[in-house]
Amino acid sequence: MSKKSGKTSKLKNKGNKTATVPKILEDAIRRGEGKFSFANGDSYEGEYVIVNDMEIYRDGYGVYKTSDQDEYRAVWDRDRVASNLRIVYSNGAEYNGDLDENEAMSGEGSYVFPDGTVLRAKWQDNVPVADYSYTNEYRLPIEERFWVKMGGRKLG
């Protein structure tokens, strides 16, 4: 890709003063696909974007695997989950849904326990808060009140 370095544009403000602003180039952004390993043992395999030959981000579909073997499969937008999130935990559990800006379960989602039971709910801060639907491994509804333990917190 060719760089058109040195190109600028002139902007005038209300006081008729002119400022020189570097021109933003389309070829300053490159896309690719590959595998990356991090010093902490985590890895990422999937689509990425490089901005200004300096910054690299997960961008597009990819799988981020933690050193604990948890997998975050999603469409990414500049290192943030954008859509289609599926977390596959090393213990066999799964979460399908959204995360908030603090990377906590948020909005509509389902948590599948290792034994196959499924908790569908609206989530807030990793806690199911409304519209519970709890089914066993055969997808039959469980009516009684339940207590589950996720991430060291008791829910119910």
N, C-alpha and C. Protein backbone atom coordinates (compact mmCIF):
# COMPACT_ATOMS: atom_id res chain seq x y z
N MET A 1 0.84 -1.18 0.00
CA MET A 1 0.00 0.00 0.00
C MET A 1 0.88 1.24 0.00
N SER A 2 0.50 2.18 -0.76
CA SER A 2 1.30 3.40 -0.81
C SER A 2 0.82 4.36 0.27
N LYS A 3 1.77 5.08 0.82
CA LYS A 3 1.46 6.10 1.82
C LYS A 3 1.55 7.46 1.13
N LYS A 4 0.62 8.30 1.40
CA LYS A 4 0.62 9.65 0.84
C LYS A 4 1.01 10.61 1.95
N SER A 5 2.16 10.36 2.53
CA SER A 5 2.56 11.17 3.69
C SER A 5 2.83 12.61 3.28
N GLY A 6 2.65 13.49 4.23
CA GLY A 6 2.90 14.90 4.00
C GLY A 6 1.70 15.66 3.49
N LYS A 7 0.65 14.99 3.07
CA LYS A 7 -0.55 15.68 2.58
C LYS A 7 -1.29 16.28 3.77
N THR A 8 -1.73 17.49 3.63
CA THR A 8 -2.48 18.15 4.69
C THR A 8 -3.67 18.88 4.08
N SER A 9 -4.58 19.26 4.94
CA SER A 9 -5.69 20.10 4.50
C SER A 9 -5.75 21.31 5.40
N LYS A 10 -6.29 22.39 4.88
CA LYS A 10 -6.38 23.64 5.63
C LYS A 10 -7.79 23.83 6.14
N LEU A 11 -7.91 24.20 7.40
CA LEU A 11 -9.20 24.50 8.01
C LEU A 11 -9.19 25.93 8.51
N LYS A 12 -10.30 26.62 8.34
CA LYS A 12 -10.41 27.98 8.87
C LYS A 12 -11.45 27.99 9.97
N ASN A 13 -11.12 28.66 11.07
CA ASN A 13 -12.11 28.80 12.14
C ASN A 13 -12.79 30.15 12.01
N LYS A 14 -13.63 30.51 12.96
CA LYS A 14 -14.41 31.75 12.87
C LYS A 14 -13.54 33.00 12.81
N GLY A 15 -12.36 32.94 13.38
CA GLY A 15 -11.49 34.11 13.38
C GLY A 15 -10.62 34.19 12.14
N ASN A 16 -10.95 33.43 11.09
CA ASN A 16 -10.19 33.38 9.85
C ASN A 16 -8.75 32.95 10.04
N LYS A 17 -8.46 32.25 11.13
CA LYS A 17 -7.12 31.71 11.33
C LYS A 17 -7.09 30.33 10.67
N THR A 18 -6.00 30.01 10.04
CA THR A 18 -5.88 28.74 9.34
C THR A 18 -5.05 27.77 10.16
N ALA A 19 -5.53 26.54 10.25
CA ALA A 19 -4.79 25.48 10.93
C ALA A 19 -4.49 24.38 9.92
N THR A 20 -3.31 23.80 10.02
CA THR A 20 -2.94 22.70 9.15
C THR A 20 -3.24 21.40 9.88
N VAL A 21 -4.03 20.53 9.24
CA VAL A 21 -4.46 19.27 9.85
C VAL A 21 -3.98 18.12 8.97
N PRO A 22 -3.32 17.11 9.56
CA PRO A 22 -2.90 15.97 8.74
C PRO A 22 -4.11 15.28 8.11
N LYS A 23 -3.96 14.89 6.86
CA LYS A 23 -5.05 14.20 6.16
C LYS A 23 -5.11 12.75 6.64
N ILE A 24 -6.32 12.30 6.98
CA ILE A 24 -6.52 10.91 7.41
C ILE A 24 -6.60 10.05 6.16
N LEU A 25 -5.76 9.05 6.11
CA LEU A 25 -5.68 8.21 4.92
C LEU A 25 -6.36 6.88 5.13
N GLU A 26 -7.06 6.44 4.11
CA GLU A 26 -7.71 5.14 4.19
C GLU A 26 -6.68 4.02 4.31
N ASP A 27 -5.53 4.17 3.66
CA ASP A 27 -4.53 3.10 3.70
C ASP A 27 -3.74 3.09 5.00
N ALA A 28 -4.11 3.92 5.99
CA ALA A 28 -3.49 3.87 7.31
C ALA A 28 -4.10 2.73 8.14
N ILE A 29 -5.15 2.09 7.63
CA ILE A 29 -5.79 0.97 8.31
C ILE A 29 -5.63 -0.27 7.44
N ARG A 30 -5.06 -1.32 8.04
CA ARG A 30 -4.90 -2.59 7.33
C ARG A 30 -5.62 -3.68 8.10
N ARG A 31 -6.18 -4.63 7.37
CA ARG A 31 -6.91 -5.75 7.98
C ARG A 31 -6.16 -7.04 7.70
N GLY A 32 -6.37 -8.00 8.60
CA GLY A 32 -5.73 -9.30 8.40
C GLY A 32 -6.40 -10.36 9.24
N GLU A 33 -5.83 -11.56 9.19
CA GLU A 33 -6.32 -12.68 9.97
C GLU A 33 -5.10 -13.48 10.41
N GLY A 34 -5.08 -13.87 11.67
CA GLY A 34 -3.93 -14.61 12.17
C GLY A 34 -4.10 -15.04 13.60
N LYS A 35 -3.00 -15.54 14.17
CA LYS A 35 -3.00 -16.02 15.55
C LYS A 35 -1.94 -15.24 16.33
N PHE A 36 -2.31 -14.83 17.55
CA PHE A 36 -1.42 -14.08 18.42
C PHE A 36 -1.35 -14.75 19.78
N SER A 37 -0.17 -14.81 20.35
CA SER A 37 0.02 -15.34 21.71
C SER A 37 0.53 -14.22 22.58
N PHE A 38 0.03 -14.17 23.82
CA PHE A 38 0.39 -13.10 24.74
C PHE A 38 1.25 -13.63 25.87
N ALA A 39 2.01 -12.76 26.51
CA ALA A 39 2.94 -13.15 27.57
C ALA A 39 2.24 -13.83 28.75
N ASN A 40 0.97 -13.49 29.00
CA ASN A 40 0.25 -14.08 30.14
C ASN A 40 -0.34 -15.45 29.82
N GLY A 41 -0.11 -15.98 28.62
CA GLY A 41 -0.62 -17.29 28.25
C GLY A 41 -1.91 -17.25 27.45
N ASP A 42 -2.54 -16.08 27.32
CA ASP A 42 -3.75 -15.92 26.52
C ASP A 42 -3.38 -15.96 25.04
N SER A 43 -4.38 -16.23 24.18
CA SER A 43 -4.14 -16.20 22.74
C SER A 43 -5.39 -15.69 22.03
N TYR A 44 -5.20 -15.25 20.80
CA TYR A 44 -6.30 -14.80 19.96
C TYR A 44 -6.06 -15.33 18.56
N GLU A 45 -7.12 -15.88 17.96
CA GLU A 45 -7.05 -16.31 16.57
C GLU A 45 -8.26 -15.77 15.85
N GLY A 46 -8.02 -14.98 14.81
CA GLY A 46 -9.13 -14.42 14.06
C GLY A 46 -8.74 -13.16 13.33
N GLU A 47 -9.76 -12.37 13.03
CA GLU A 47 -9.56 -11.15 12.26
C GLU A 47 -9.06 -10.02 13.15
N TYR A 48 -8.26 -9.14 12.56
CA TYR A 48 -7.71 -8.02 13.30
C TYR A 48 -7.57 -6.82 12.37
N VAL A 49 -7.29 -5.67 12.97
CA VAL A 49 -7.03 -4.46 12.22
C VAL A 49 -5.79 -3.80 12.80
N ILE A 50 -4.96 -3.25 11.91
CA ILE A 50 -3.77 -2.50 12.33
C ILE A 50 -4.01 -1.05 11.92
N VAL A 51 -3.86 -0.14 12.86
CA VAL A 51 -4.08 1.28 12.62
C VAL A 51 -2.75 2.01 12.68
N ASN A 52 -2.44 2.75 11.63
CA ASN A 52 -1.22 3.56 11.55
C ASN A 52 0.06 2.75 11.80
N ASP A 53 0.05 1.48 11.43
CA ASP A 53 1.21 0.60 11.62
C ASP A 53 1.70 0.55 13.06
N MET A 54 0.84 0.93 14.02
CA MET A 54 1.26 0.99 15.41
C MET A 54 0.33 0.24 16.35
N GLU A 55 -0.95 0.30 16.13
CA GLU A 55 -1.92 -0.28 17.05
C GLU A 55 -2.63 -1.44 16.38
N ILE A 56 -2.75 -2.55 17.09
CA ILE A 56 -3.44 -3.72 16.56
C ILE A 56 -4.61 -4.06 17.47
N TYR A 57 -5.76 -4.35 16.86
CA TYR A 57 -6.98 -4.63 17.61
C TYR A 57 -7.65 -5.90 17.08
N ARG A 58 -8.34 -6.64 17.97
CA ARG A 58 -9.25 -7.69 17.52
C ARG A 58 -10.38 -6.96 16.81
N ASP A 59 -10.69 -7.36 15.59
CA ASP A 59 -11.70 -6.65 14.82
C ASP A 59 -12.27 -7.61 13.77
N GLY A 60 -13.53 -8.00 13.93
CA GLY A 60 -14.12 -9.04 13.10
C GLY A 60 -14.27 -10.30 13.94
N TYR A 61 -14.56 -11.43 13.29
CA TYR A 61 -14.77 -12.66 14.06
C TYR A 61 -13.44 -13.23 14.54
N GLY A 62 -13.44 -13.67 15.81
CA GLY A 62 -12.25 -14.31 16.35
C GLY A 62 -12.53 -15.00 17.67
N VAL A 63 -11.55 -15.81 18.10
CA VAL A 63 -11.65 -16.56 19.35
C VAL A 63 -10.50 -16.14 20.25
N TYR A 64 -10.85 -15.60 21.42
CA TYR A 64 -9.87 -15.22 22.43
C TYR A 64 -9.88 -16.30 23.50
N LYS A 65 -8.73 -16.93 23.74
CA LYS A 65 -8.64 -18.01 24.72
C LYS A 65 -7.74 -17.55 25.87
N THR A 66 -8.28 -17.66 27.10
CA THR A 66 -7.50 -17.27 28.27
C THR A 66 -6.54 -18.40 28.65
N SER A 67 -5.58 -18.08 29.49
CA SER A 67 -4.64 -19.10 29.97
C SER A 67 -5.36 -20.17 30.78
N ASP A 68 -6.56 -19.86 31.30
CA ASP A 68 -7.39 -20.83 32.02
C ASP A 68 -8.23 -21.69 31.08
N GLN A 69 -8.06 -21.50 29.77
CA GLN A 69 -8.75 -22.25 28.71
C GLN A 69 -10.21 -21.86 28.52
N ASP A 70 -10.63 -20.70 29.03
CA ASP A 70 -11.96 -20.17 28.70
C ASP A 70 -11.86 -19.55 27.31
N GLU A 71 -12.89 -19.76 26.46
CA GLU A 71 -12.87 -19.22 25.10
C GLU A 71 -13.98 -18.20 24.91
N TYR A 72 -13.62 -17.04 24.37
CA TYR A 72 -14.57 -15.98 24.04
C TYR A 72 -14.66 -15.92 22.52
N ARG A 73 -15.76 -16.44 21.98
CA ARG A 73 -15.98 -16.44 20.54
C ARG A 73 -16.95 -15.32 20.23
N ALA A 74 -16.54 -14.39 19.36
CA ALA A 74 -17.39 -13.23 19.13
C ALA A 74 -16.98 -12.49 17.87
N VAL A 75 -17.82 -11.54 17.49
CA VAL A 75 -17.44 -10.53 16.52
C VAL A 75 -16.94 -9.36 17.34
N TRP A 76 -15.73 -8.92 17.04
CA TRP A 76 -15.05 -7.88 17.82
C TRP A 76 -15.03 -6.57 17.05
N ASP A 77 -15.00 -5.46 17.79
CA ASP A 77 -14.85 -4.13 17.21
C ASP A 77 -13.84 -3.39 18.07
N ARG A 78 -12.62 -3.27 17.55
CA ARG A 78 -11.53 -2.59 18.26
C ARG A 78 -11.37 -3.11 19.69
N ASP A 79 -11.22 -4.41 19.84
CA ASP A 79 -10.98 -5.11 21.10
C ASP A 79 -12.19 -5.21 22.02
N ARG A 80 -13.35 -4.76 21.59
CA ARG A 80 -14.58 -4.88 22.39
C ARG A 80 -15.50 -5.87 21.70
N VAL A 81 -16.23 -6.67 22.47
CA VAL A 81 -17.21 -7.58 21.89
C VAL A 81 -18.31 -6.75 21.24
N ALA A 82 -18.56 -7.00 19.95
CA ALA A 82 -19.59 -6.25 19.23
C ALA A 82 -20.89 -7.05 19.14
N SER A 83 -20.79 -8.36 18.90
CA SER A 83 -22.00 -9.19 18.77
C SER A 83 -21.63 -10.66 18.76
N ASN A 84 -22.68 -11.49 18.79
CA ASN A 84 -22.56 -12.95 18.68
C ASN A 84 -21.59 -13.56 19.69
N LEU A 85 -21.67 -13.12 20.94
CA LEU A 85 -20.76 -13.63 21.97
C LEU A 85 -21.17 -15.01 22.43
N ARG A 86 -20.19 -15.87 22.49
CA ARG A 86 -20.35 -17.20 23.08
C ARG A 86 -19.09 -17.47 23.90
N ILE A 87 -19.27 -17.61 25.22
CA ILE A 87 -18.14 -17.94 26.08
C ILE A 87 -18.25 -19.43 26.40
N VAL A 88 -17.19 -20.16 26.15
CA VAL A 88 -17.12 -21.58 26.50
C VAL A 88 -16.10 -21.69 27.62
N TYR A 89 -16.59 -22.00 28.82
CA TYR A 89 -15.72 -22.08 29.99
C TYR A 89 -15.02 -23.43 30.05
N SER A 90 -13.87 -23.46 30.68
CA SER A 90 -13.07 -24.69 30.77
C SER A 90 -13.79 -25.79 31.55
N ASN A 91 -14.77 -25.43 32.40
CA ASN A 91 -15.51 -26.44 33.16
C ASN A 91 -16.68 -27.04 32.38
N GLY A 92 -16.86 -26.61 31.12
CA GLY A 92 -17.93 -27.14 30.28
C GLY A 92 -19.17 -26.27 30.22
N ALA A 93 -19.25 -25.23 31.04
CA ALA A 93 -20.38 -24.31 31.00
C ALA A 93 -20.23 -23.37 29.80
N GLU A 94 -21.34 -22.72 29.41
CA GLU A 94 -21.33 -21.76 28.30
C GLU A 94 -22.22 -20.58 28.64
N TYR A 95 -21.88 -19.42 28.09
CA TYR A 95 -22.75 -18.25 28.16
C TYR A 95 -22.91 -17.73 26.74
N ASN A 96 -24.15 -17.47 26.34
CA ASN A 96 -24.46 -16.87 25.05
C ASN A 96 -25.26 -15.61 25.33
N GLY A 97 -24.73 -14.46 24.95
CA GLY A 97 -25.43 -13.21 25.20
C GLY A 97 -24.50 -12.03 25.05
N ASP A 98 -24.81 -10.97 25.78
CA ASP A 98 -24.05 -9.74 25.68
C ASP A 98 -23.27 -9.45 26.95
N LEU A 99 -22.25 -8.61 26.81
CA LEU A 99 -21.50 -8.10 27.95
C LEU A 99 -21.66 -6.59 27.97
N ASP A 100 -21.59 -5.99 29.17
CA ASP A 100 -21.63 -4.54 29.26
C ASP A 100 -20.22 -3.98 29.13
N GLU A 101 -20.07 -2.68 29.31
CA GLU A 101 -18.76 -2.03 29.16
C GLU A 101 -17.73 -2.51 30.18
N ASN A 102 -18.18 -3.13 31.27
CA ASN A 102 -17.28 -3.69 32.27
C ASN A 102 -17.05 -5.19 32.07
N GLU A 103 -17.49 -5.69 30.91
CA GLU A 103 -17.36 -7.09 30.53
C GLU A 103 -18.12 -8.04 31.45
N ALA A 104 -19.25 -7.57 31.99
CA ALA A 104 -20.14 -8.40 32.81
C ALA A 104 -21.34 -8.81 31.96
N MET A 105 -21.91 -9.98 32.26
CA MET A 105 -23.11 -10.44 31.55
C MET A 105 -24.19 -9.39 31.70
N SER A 106 -24.83 -9.04 30.57
CA SER A 106 -25.80 -7.96 30.58
C SER A 106 -26.81 -8.18 29.46
N GLY A 107 -28.07 -7.82 29.70
CA GLY A 107 -29.10 -7.98 28.68
C GLY A 107 -29.57 -9.41 28.57
N GLU A 108 -30.17 -9.76 27.44
CA GLU A 108 -30.67 -11.11 27.20
C GLU A 108 -29.51 -12.08 27.07
N GLY A 109 -29.62 -13.23 27.72
CA GLY A 109 -28.57 -14.23 27.58
C GLY A 109 -28.96 -15.55 28.21
N SER A 110 -28.19 -16.58 27.87
CA SER A 110 -28.43 -17.90 28.46
C SER A 110 -27.11 -18.47 28.98
N TYR A 111 -27.21 -19.12 30.12
CA TYR A 111 -26.07 -19.78 30.74
C TYR A 111 -26.38 -21.27 30.78
N VAL A 112 -25.51 -22.05 30.15
CA VAL A 112 -25.68 -23.50 30.11
C VAL A 112 -24.69 -24.10 31.11
N PHE A 113 -25.21 -24.79 32.11
CA PHE A 113 -24.37 -25.42 33.13
C PHE A 113 -23.74 -26.69 32.58
N PRO A 114 -22.65 -27.15 33.18
CA PRO A 114 -21.99 -28.37 32.70
C PRO A 114 -22.91 -29.59 32.63
N ASP A 115 -23.95 -29.64 33.48
CA ASP A 115 -24.87 -30.79 33.46
C ASP A 115 -25.96 -30.65 32.39
N GLY A 116 -25.95 -29.55 31.63
CA GLY A 116 -26.92 -29.36 30.55
C GLY A 116 -28.11 -28.51 30.90
N THR A 117 -28.30 -28.16 32.18
CA THR A 117 -29.41 -27.27 32.53
C THR A 117 -29.12 -25.87 31.99
N VAL A 118 -30.19 -25.17 31.64
CA VAL A 118 -30.06 -23.87 30.98
C VAL A 118 -30.83 -22.82 31.77
N LEU A 119 -30.18 -21.69 32.03
CA LEU A 119 -30.82 -20.54 32.65
C LEU A 119 -30.86 -19.42 31.62
N ARG A 120 -32.07 -19.08 31.17
CA ARG A 120 -32.26 -17.94 30.27
C ARG A 120 -32.83 -16.81 31.11
N ALA A 121 -32.27 -15.61 30.90
CA ALA A 121 -32.73 -14.48 31.72
C ALA A 121 -32.24 -13.17 31.13
N LYS A 122 -32.73 -12.09 31.73
CA LYS A 122 -32.11 -10.78 31.52
C LYS A 122 -31.06 -10.66 32.60
N TRP A 123 -29.87 -10.25 32.21
CA TRP A 123 -28.72 -10.20 33.12
C TRP A 123 -28.29 -8.77 33.38
N GLN A 124 -27.75 -8.57 34.57
CA GLN A 124 -27.14 -7.29 34.93
C GLN A 124 -26.00 -7.59 35.89
N ASP A 125 -24.81 -7.14 35.58
CA ASP A 125 -23.63 -7.37 36.42
C ASP A 125 -23.44 -8.85 36.76
N ASN A 126 -23.55 -9.71 35.76
CA ASN A 126 -23.37 -11.16 35.90
C ASN A 126 -24.46 -11.85 36.71
N VAL A 127 -25.55 -11.17 37.01
CA VAL A 127 -26.63 -11.74 37.82
C VAL A 127 -27.92 -11.75 37.00
N PRO A 128 -28.66 -12.89 36.97
CA PRO A 128 -29.95 -12.89 36.30
C PRO A 128 -30.94 -12.06 37.12
N VAL A 129 -31.58 -11.07 36.47
CA VAL A 129 -32.44 -10.14 37.22
C VAL A 129 -33.91 -10.19 36.81
N ALA A 130 -34.24 -10.76 35.66
CA ALA A 130 -35.65 -10.78 35.22
C ALA A 130 -35.86 -11.83 34.14
N ASP A 131 -37.13 -12.17 33.93
CA ASP A 131 -37.54 -13.09 32.87
C ASP A 131 -36.79 -14.42 32.91
N TYR A 132 -36.78 -15.05 34.09
CA TYR A 132 -36.10 -16.33 34.26
C TYR A 132 -36.78 -17.44 33.48
N SER A 133 -36.01 -18.30 32.92
CA SER A 133 -36.48 -19.55 32.34
C SER A 133 -35.39 -20.57 32.65
N TYR A 134 -35.74 -21.56 33.43
CA TYR A 134 -34.75 -22.54 33.88
C TYR A 134 -35.22 -23.91 33.42
N THR A 135 -34.42 -24.57 32.58
CA THR A 135 -34.80 -25.88 32.05
C THR A 135 -33.71 -26.90 32.34
N ASN A 136 -34.13 -28.17 32.42
CA ASN A 136 -33.14 -29.22 32.66
C ASN A 136 -32.47 -29.63 31.35
N GLU A 137 -31.60 -30.63 31.43
CA GLU A 137 -30.84 -31.03 30.25
C GLU A 137 -31.72 -31.55 29.11
N TYR A 138 -32.98 -31.89 29.41
CA TYR A 138 -33.92 -32.33 28.38
C TYR A 138 -34.80 -31.18 27.89
N ARG A 139 -34.46 -29.97 28.31
CA ARG A 139 -35.18 -28.74 27.96
C ARG A 139 -36.59 -28.69 28.53
N LEU A 140 -36.82 -29.44 29.63
CA LEU A 140 -38.10 -29.39 30.33
C LEU A 140 -38.02 -28.32 31.41
N PRO A 141 -39.06 -27.49 31.55
CA PRO A 141 -39.00 -26.40 32.53
C PRO A 141 -38.92 -26.91 33.97
N ILE A 142 -38.16 -26.21 34.76
CA ILE A 142 -38.06 -26.49 36.19
C ILE A 142 -38.81 -25.37 36.89
N GLU A 143 -39.86 -25.72 37.62
CA GLU A 143 -40.76 -24.73 38.20
C GLU A 143 -40.31 -24.20 39.56
N GLU A 144 -39.69 -25.06 40.36
CA GLU A 144 -39.38 -24.63 41.73
C GLU A 144 -38.30 -23.54 41.74
N ARG A 145 -38.28 -22.83 42.86
CA ARG A 145 -37.25 -21.80 43.04
C ARG A 145 -35.90 -22.50 43.08
N PHE A 146 -34.93 -21.88 42.53
CA PHE A 146 -33.63 -22.54 42.43
C PHE A 146 -32.52 -21.66 43.01
N TRP A 147 -31.48 -22.31 43.40
CA TRP A 147 -30.27 -21.63 43.83
C TRP A 147 -29.13 -22.18 43.00
N VAL A 148 -28.39 -21.31 42.40
CA VAL A 148 -27.23 -21.74 41.63
C VAL A 148 -26.03 -20.94 42.08
N LYS A 149 -24.87 -21.48 41.86
CA LYS A 149 -23.66 -20.77 42.25
C LYS A 149 -22.81 -20.57 41.01
N MET A 150 -22.55 -19.31 40.69
CA MET A 150 -21.73 -18.97 39.54
C MET A 150 -20.68 -17.97 40.00
N GLY A 151 -19.46 -18.21 39.66
CA GLY A 151 -18.41 -17.25 39.97
C GLY A 151 -18.31 -16.91 41.44
N GLY A 152 -18.63 -17.86 42.32
CA GLY A 152 -18.52 -17.61 43.75
C GLY A 152 -19.69 -16.86 44.35
N ARG A 153 -20.72 -16.56 43.55
CA ARG A 153 -21.89 -15.82 44.05
C ARG A 153 -23.10 -16.72 44.02
N LYS A 154 -23.90 -16.66 45.07
CA LYS A 154 -25.14 -17.42 45.11
C LYS A 154 -26.23 -16.60 44.45
N LEU A 155 -26.97 -17.23 43.55
CA LEU A 155 -28.06 -16.56 42.85
C LEU A 155 -29.35 -17.30 43.13
N GLY A 156 -30.47 -16.63 43.02
CA GLY A 156 -31.71 -17.36 43.20
C GLY A 156 -32.92 -16.49 43.16
